[in-house]
């Protein structure tokens, strides 16, 4: 079986950019955010359970999860957040594992998990964990620029994630993303070379 590596980092750290770079170098990418979107899209596998737990008002006319409405609820209600996670997390994990452990021509697989350390469900079957790191103010600036969310919401998301020092203390590999795209490309390429050789 080919090696599977975890990729994580705080909001705005550049996980998606790093994953795309790994993909262009030939790695297989399994993205748990994409899996979550598929599960909660129209006719997604998680929709019946979400509808039963939260009611029709959290499902759009075309049968998908109403993301904006659910986001507002789970940020203000920890019980609702727990209920949603109880539905989604096992489904996401099962799908991610199935994809990551299936045969591939790629030299290795990168599993992108935003809350990898927080969930406690991935560490035991991934060979090692790569953390994408940058200063918290840069995380905030990038997320403000690309997301349309306001600063209060972004800081609330950051406060629910493990802090930077905690992530770095648990990382097996760190990709620093505090400079140019060229710098990031060369850091990812160097790690790719090492992982391909393992």
C-alpha atoms as a PDB file:
ATOM      1  CA  UNK A   1       0.000   0.000   0.000  1.00  0.00           C
ATOM      2  CA  UNK A   2       1.245   3.496  -0.882  1.00  0.00           C
ATOM      3  CA  UNK A   3       1.870   5.944   1.965  1.00  0.00           C
ATOM      4  CA  UNK A   4      -0.850   8.356   3.091  1.00  0.00           C
ATOM      5  CA  UNK A   5       0.110  11.712   4.617  1.00  0.00           C
ATOM      6  CA  UNK A   6      -2.175  14.156   6.415  1.00  0.00           C
ATOM      7  CA  UNK A   7      -2.207  17.850   5.466  1.00  0.00           C
ATOM      8  CA  UNK A   8      -3.652  20.411   7.855  1.00  0.00           C
ATOM      9  CA  UNK A   9      -3.357  24.031   8.979  1.00  0.00           C
ATOM     10  CA  UNK A  10      -5.482  26.861  10.307  1.00  0.00           C
ATOM     11  CA  UNK A  11      -8.018  28.761   8.208  1.00  0.00           C
ATOM     12  CA  UNK A  12      -6.219  30.964   5.657  1.00  0.00           C
ATOM     13  CA  UNK A  13      -2.895  29.148   6.061  1.00  0.00           C
ATOM     14  CA  UNK A  14      -2.879  27.990   2.434  1.00  0.00           C
ATOM     15  CA  UNK A  15      -3.828  24.288   2.699  1.00  0.00           C
ATOM     16  CA  UNK A  16      -5.675  24.359  -0.637  1.00  0.00           C
ATOM     17  CA  UNK A  17      -2.765  26.027  -2.453  1.00  0.00           C
ATOM     18  CA  UNK A  18      -0.331  23.465  -1.021  1.00  0.00           C
ATOM     19  CA  UNK A  19      -2.667  20.573  -1.939  1.00  0.00           C
ATOM     20  CA  UNK A  20      -2.893  21.864  -5.538  1.00  0.00           C
ATOM     21  CA  UNK A  21       0.915  22.037  -5.728  1.00  0.00           C
ATOM     22  CA  UNK A  22       1.255  18.457  -4.457  1.00  0.00           C
ATOM     23  CA  UNK A  23      -1.336  17.396  -7.041  1.00  0.00           C
ATOM     24  CA  UNK A  24       0.555  19.038  -9.926  1.00  0.00           C
ATOM     25  CA  UNK A  25       3.660  17.122  -8.780  1.00  0.00           C
ATOM     26  CA  UNK A  26       1.775  13.820  -9.063  1.00  0.00           C
ATOM     27  CA  UNK A  27       0.399  13.136  -5.569  1.00  0.00           C
ATOM     28  CA  UNK A  28      -3.165  11.931  -5.141  1.00  0.00           C
ATOM     29  CA  UNK A  29      -5.281  14.371  -3.105  1.00  0.00           C
ATOM     30  CA  UNK A  30      -8.191  13.327  -0.888  1.00  0.00           C
ATOM     31  CA  UNK A  31      -9.876  16.496   0.416  1.00  0.00           C
ATOM     32  CA  UNK A  32     -12.284  16.069   3.338  1.00  0.00           C
ATOM     33  CA  UNK A  33     -13.907  19.471   2.610  1.00  0.00           C
ATOM     34  CA  UNK A  34     -14.783  18.233  -0.895  1.00  0.00           C
ATOM     35  CA  UNK A  35     -16.139  14.999   0.596  1.00  0.00           C
ATOM     36  CA  UNK A  36     -18.235  17.045   3.051  1.00  0.00           C
ATOM     37  CA  UNK A  37     -19.624  19.110   0.148  1.00  0.00           C
ATOM     38  CA  UNK A  38     -20.564  15.947  -1.753  1.00  0.00           C
ATOM     39  CA  UNK A  39     -22.263  14.469   1.320  1.00  0.00           C
ATOM     40  CA  UNK A  40     -24.320  17.646   1.858  1.00  0.00           C
ATOM     41  CA  UNK A  41     -25.094  18.438  -1.800  1.00  0.00           C
ATOM     42  CA  UNK A  42     -28.477  17.656  -3.347  1.00  0.00           C
ATOM     43  CA  UNK A  43     -29.164  13.911  -2.845  1.00  0.00           C
ATOM     44  CA  UNK A  44     -25.984  13.672  -0.730  1.00  0.00           C
ATOM     45  CA  UNK A  45     -25.695  10.736   1.672  1.00  0.00           C
ATOM     46  CA  UNK A  46     -25.854  12.978   4.774  1.00  0.00           C
ATOM     47  CA  UNK A  47     -28.996  14.914   3.776  1.00  0.00           C
ATOM     48  CA  UNK A  48     -31.666  12.532   5.178  1.00  0.00           C
ATOM     49  CA  UNK A  49     -30.015  12.454   8.633  1.00  0.00           C
ATOM     50  CA  UNK A  50     -29.497  16.250   8.656  1.00  0.00           C
ATOM     51  CA  UNK A  51     -33.121  16.814   7.622  1.00  0.00           C
ATOM     52  CA  UNK A  52     -34.322  14.503  10.389  1.00  0.00           C
ATOM     53  CA  UNK A  53     -32.103  16.129  13.046  1.00  0.00           C
ATOM     54  CA  UNK A  54     -32.590  19.807  12.095  1.00  0.00           C
ATOM     55  CA  UNK A  55     -35.809  19.992  10.054  1.00  0.00           C
ATOM     56  CA  UNK A  56     -36.722  21.057   6.519  1.00  0.00           C
ATOM     57  CA  UNK A  57     -35.710  24.689   7.068  1.00  0.00           C
ATOM     58  CA  UNK A  58     -32.021  23.703   6.916  1.00  0.00           C
ATOM     59  CA  UNK A  59     -32.428  22.062   3.492  1.00  0.00           C
ATOM     60  CA  UNK A  60     -32.627  24.137   0.288  1.00  0.00           C
ATOM     61  CA  UNK A  61     -35.367  23.766  -2.354  1.00  0.00           C
ATOM     62  CA  UNK A  62     -33.060  21.581  -4.459  1.00  0.00           C
ATOM     63  CA  UNK A  63     -32.383  19.246  -1.516  1.00  0.00           C
ATOM     64  CA  UNK A  64     -28.926  20.403  -0.399  1.00  0.00           C
ATOM     65  CA  UNK A  65     -27.769  21.646   2.996  1.00  0.00           C
ATOM     66  CA  UNK A  66     -28.439  25.372   3.496  1.00  0.00           C
ATOM     67  CA  UNK A  67     -24.835  26.176   4.423  1.00  0.00           C
ATOM     68  CA  UNK A  68     -25.259  29.806   5.461  1.00  0.00           C
ATOM     69  CA  UNK A  69     -28.169  28.972   7.755  1.00  0.00           C
ATOM     70  CA  UNK A  70     -26.403  25.955   9.283  1.00  0.00           C
ATOM     71  CA  UNK A  71     -23.174  27.950   9.787  1.00  0.00           C
ATOM     72  CA  UNK A  72     -25.100  30.623  11.701  1.00  0.00           C
ATOM     73  CA  UNK A  73     -26.729  27.957  13.879  1.00  0.00           C
ATOM     74  CA  UNK A  74     -23.601  25.972  14.769  1.00  0.00           C
ATOM     75  CA  UNK A  75     -21.636  29.098  15.680  1.00  0.00           C
ATOM     76  CA  UNK A  76     -24.272  30.121  18.188  1.00  0.00           C
ATOM     77  CA  UNK A  77     -25.281  26.674  19.488  1.00  0.00           C
ATOM     78  CA  UNK A  78     -22.643  24.131  20.578  1.00  0.00           C
ATOM     79  CA  UNK A  79     -25.269  21.391  20.942  1.00  0.00           C
ATOM     80  CA  UNK A  80     -26.326  21.863  17.302  1.00  0.00           C
ATOM     81  CA  UNK A  81     -22.684  21.804  16.236  1.00  0.00           C
ATOM     82  CA  UNK A  82     -22.201  18.513  18.097  1.00  0.00           C
ATOM     83  CA  UNK A  83     -25.287  16.995  16.453  1.00  0.00           C
ATOM     84  CA  UNK A  84     -24.086  18.004  12.979  1.00  0.00           C
ATOM     85  CA  UNK A  85     -20.588  16.634  13.624  1.00  0.00           C
ATOM     86  CA  UNK A  86     -22.045  13.340  14.904  1.00  0.00           C
ATOM     87  CA  UNK A  87     -23.792  12.947  11.535  1.00  0.00           C
ATOM     88  CA  UNK A  88     -21.010  14.190   9.238  1.00  0.00           C
ATOM     89  CA  UNK A  89     -17.691  13.156  10.774  1.00  0.00           C
ATOM     90  CA  UNK A  90     -18.106   9.349  10.580  1.00  0.00           C
ATOM     91  CA  UNK A  91     -19.324   9.621   6.957  1.00  0.00           C
ATOM     92  CA  UNK A  92     -16.417  11.898   5.990  1.00  0.00           C
ATOM     93  CA  UNK A  93     -13.884   9.641   7.714  1.00  0.00           C
ATOM     94  CA  UNK A  94     -15.230   6.464   6.051  1.00  0.00           C
ATOM     95  CA  UNK A  95     -15.169   8.094   2.598  1.00  0.00           C
ATOM     96  CA  UNK A  96     -11.713   9.639   3.089  1.00  0.00           C
ATOM     97  CA  UNK A  97     -10.291   6.318   4.240  1.00  0.00           C
ATOM     98  CA  UNK A  98     -11.869   4.417   1.340  1.00  0.00           C
ATOM     99  CA  UNK A  99     -10.435   6.893  -1.194  1.00  0.00           C
ATOM    100  CA  UNK A 100      -7.002   7.159   0.456  1.00  0.00           C
ATOM    101  CA  UNK A 101      -6.509   3.398   0.778  1.00  0.00           C
ATOM    102  CA  UNK A 102      -7.734   2.503  -2.727  1.00  0.00           C
ATOM    103  CA  UNK A 103      -5.143   1.539  -5.402  1.00  0.00           C
ATOM    104  CA  UNK A 104      -3.346   4.413  -7.151  1.00  0.00           C
ATOM    105  CA  UNK A 105      -0.532   5.056  -9.601  1.00  0.00           C
ATOM    106  CA  UNK A 106       0.455   8.157  -7.587  1.00  0.00           C
ATOM    107  CA  UNK A 107       3.633   7.862  -5.480  1.00  0.00           C
ATOM    108  CA  UNK A 108       1.661   8.743  -2.324  1.00  0.00           C
ATOM    109  CA  UNK A 109      -1.656  10.204  -1.146  1.00  0.00           C
ATOM    110  CA  UNK A 110      -2.221  13.489   0.710  1.00  0.00           C
ATOM    111  CA  UNK A 111      -5.376  13.611   2.861  1.00  0.00           C
ATOM    112  CA  UNK A 112      -6.426  17.237   3.494  1.00  0.00           C
ATOM    113  CA  UNK A 113      -8.189  17.586   6.881  1.00  0.00           C
ATOM    114  CA  UNK A 114      -8.728  21.123   8.289  1.00  0.00           C
ATOM    115  CA  UNK A 115      -9.438  19.845  11.838  1.00  0.00           C
ATOM    116  CA  UNK A 116      -7.076  16.871  11.733  1.00  0.00           C
ATOM    117  CA  UNK A 117      -5.682  17.206  15.260  1.00  0.00           C
ATOM    118  CA  UNK A 118      -8.992  18.334  16.753  1.00  0.00           C
ATOM    119  CA  UNK A 119     -10.953  15.351  15.390  1.00  0.00           C
ATOM    120  CA  UNK A 120      -8.624  12.631  16.699  1.00  0.00           C
ATOM    121  CA  UNK A 121      -9.811  10.305  13.906  1.00  0.00           C
ATOM    122  CA  UNK A 122      -6.982  10.438  11.371  1.00  0.00           C
ATOM    123  CA  UNK A 123      -3.619  10.296  13.091  1.00  0.00           C
ATOM    124  CA  UNK A 124      -3.583   6.530  13.630  1.00  0.00           C
ATOM    125  CA  UNK A 125      -3.765   5.567   9.927  1.00  0.00           C
ATOM    126  CA  UNK A 126      -1.693   8.359   8.351  1.00  0.00           C
ATOM    127  CA  UNK A 127       2.059   7.898   8.071  1.00  0.00           C
ATOM    128  CA  UNK A 128       2.838  11.473   9.132  1.00  0.00           C
ATOM    129  CA  UNK A 129       1.242  14.916   9.348  1.00  0.00           C
ATOM    130  CA  UNK A 130       2.214  17.988   7.307  1.00  0.00           C
ATOM    131  CA  UNK A 131       1.192  21.358   8.782  1.00  0.00           C
ATOM    132  CA  UNK A 132       0.926  24.470   6.588  1.00  0.00           C
ATOM    133  CA  UNK A 133       1.957  27.371   8.790  1.00  0.00           C
ATOM    134  CA  UNK A 134       1.885  31.166   8.704  1.00  0.00           C
ATOM    135  CA  UNK A 135       1.419  33.954  11.289  1.00  0.00           C
ATOM    136  CA  UNK A 136      -2.152  34.332  12.576  1.00  0.00           C
ATOM    137  CA  UNK A 137      -2.475  37.904  11.285  1.00  0.00           C
ATOM    138  CA  UNK A 138      -1.679  36.611   7.793  1.00  0.00           C
ATOM    139  CA  UNK A 139      -4.328  33.881   8.208  1.00  0.00           C
ATOM    140  CA  UNK A 140      -6.838  36.588   9.095  1.00  0.00           C
ATOM    141  CA  UNK A 141      -5.848  38.906   6.214  1.00  0.00           C
ATOM    142  CA  UNK A 142      -6.024  36.118   3.621  1.00  0.00           C
ATOM    143  CA  UNK A 143      -9.397  34.858   4.849  1.00  0.00           C
ATOM    144  CA  UNK A 144     -10.845  38.395   4.899  1.00  0.00           C
ATOM    145  CA  UNK A 145      -9.660  38.881   1.329  1.00  0.00           C
ATOM    146  CA  UNK A 146     -11.071  35.678  -0.140  1.00  0.00           C
ATOM    147  CA  UNK A 147     -14.117  34.677   1.904  1.00  0.00           C
ATOM    148  CA  UNK A 148     -16.462  37.624   2.315  1.00  0.00           C
ATOM    149  CA  UNK A 149     -16.770  36.765   6.034  1.00  0.00           C
ATOM    150  CA  UNK A 150     -16.233  39.534   8.551  1.00  0.00           C
ATOM    151  CA  UNK A 151     -13.381  39.595  11.049  1.00  0.00           C
ATOM    152  CA  UNK A 152     -15.535  38.545  14.032  1.00  0.00           C
ATOM    153  CA  UNK A 153     -16.671  35.361  12.246  1.00  0.00           C
ATOM    154  CA  UNK A 154     -13.125  34.527  11.125  1.00  0.00           C
ATOM    155  CA  UNK A 155     -11.738  35.035  14.644  1.00  0.00           C
ATOM    156  CA  UNK A 156     -14.550  32.804  15.982  1.00  0.00           C
ATOM    157  CA  UNK A 157     -13.507  30.062  13.528  1.00  0.00           C
ATOM    158  CA  UNK A 158      -9.847  30.492  14.504  1.00  0.00           C
ATOM    159  CA  UNK A 159     -10.722  30.244  18.196  1.00  0.00           C
ATOM    160  CA  UNK A 160     -12.367  26.855  17.578  1.00  0.00           C
ATOM    161  CA  UNK A 161      -9.245  25.510  15.853  1.00  0.00           C
ATOM    162  CA  UNK A 162      -6.127  24.350  17.657  1.00  0.00           C
ATOM    163  CA  UNK A 163      -3.767  27.293  18.066  1.00  0.00           C
ATOM    164  CA  UNK A 164      -0.659  27.726  15.968  1.00  0.00           C
ATOM    165  CA  UNK A 165       1.754  26.561  18.686  1.00  0.00           C
ATOM    166  CA  UNK A 166      -0.336  23.433  19.283  1.00  0.00           C
ATOM    167  CA  UNK A 167      -0.377  22.512  15.580  1.00  0.00           C
ATOM    168  CA  UNK A 168       3.372  23.060  15.235  1.00  0.00           C
ATOM    169  CA  UNK A 169       4.111  20.916  18.296  1.00  0.00           C
ATOM    170  CA  UNK A 170       2.224  17.977  16.722  1.00  0.00           C
ATOM    171  CA  UNK A 171       3.531  18.382  13.155  1.00  0.00           C
ATOM    172  CA  UNK A 172       5.876  15.839  11.575  1.00  0.00           C
ATOM    173  CA  UNK A 173       6.600  18.214   8.667  1.00  0.00           C
ATOM    174  CA  UNK A 174       5.990  21.969   8.374  1.00  0.00           C
ATOM    175  CA  UNK A 175       5.532  23.957   5.162  1.00  0.00           C
ATOM    176  CA  UNK A 176       5.928  27.663   5.912  1.00  0.00           C
ATOM    177  CA  UNK A 177       3.614  29.783   3.731  1.00  0.00           C
ATOM    178  CA  UNK A 178       4.478  33.369   4.615  1.00  0.00           C
ATOM    179  CA  UNK A 179       6.037  34.548   1.346  1.00  0.00           C
ATOM    180  CA  UNK A 180       5.627  34.355  -2.426  1.00  0.00           C
ATOM    181  CA  UNK A 181       4.026  31.594  -4.490  1.00  0.00           C
ATOM    182  CA  UNK A 182       7.498  30.795  -5.889  1.00  0.00           C
ATOM    183  CA  UNK A 183       8.818  30.209  -2.357  1.00  0.00           C
ATOM    184  CA  UNK A 184       5.840  27.996  -1.573  1.00  0.00           C
ATOM    185  CA  UNK A 185       6.335  25.999  -4.788  1.00  0.00           C
ATOM    186  CA  UNK A 186       9.967  25.323  -3.969  1.00  0.00           C
ATOM    187  CA  UNK A 187       9.137  24.239  -0.379  1.00  0.00           C
ATOM    188  CA  UNK A 188       6.424  21.867  -1.583  1.00  0.00           C
ATOM    189  CA  UNK A 189       8.691  20.504  -4.331  1.00  0.00           C
ATOM    190  CA  UNK A 190      11.449  19.778  -1.786  1.00  0.00           C
ATOM    191  CA  UNK A 191       9.037  17.892   0.477  1.00  0.00           C
ATOM    192  CA  UNK A 192       7.525  16.051  -2.512  1.00  0.00           C
ATOM    193  CA  UNK A 193      10.977  14.812  -3.466  1.00  0.00           C
ATOM    194  CA  UNK A 194      11.517  13.490   0.064  1.00  0.00           C
ATOM    195  CA  UNK A 195       8.082  11.846   0.329  1.00  0.00           C
ATOM    196  CA  UNK A 196       8.419  10.221  -3.105  1.00  0.00           C
ATOM    197  CA  UNK A 197      11.688   8.650  -1.977  1.00  0.00           C
ATOM    198  CA  UNK A 198      10.257   7.136   1.218  1.00  0.00           C
END
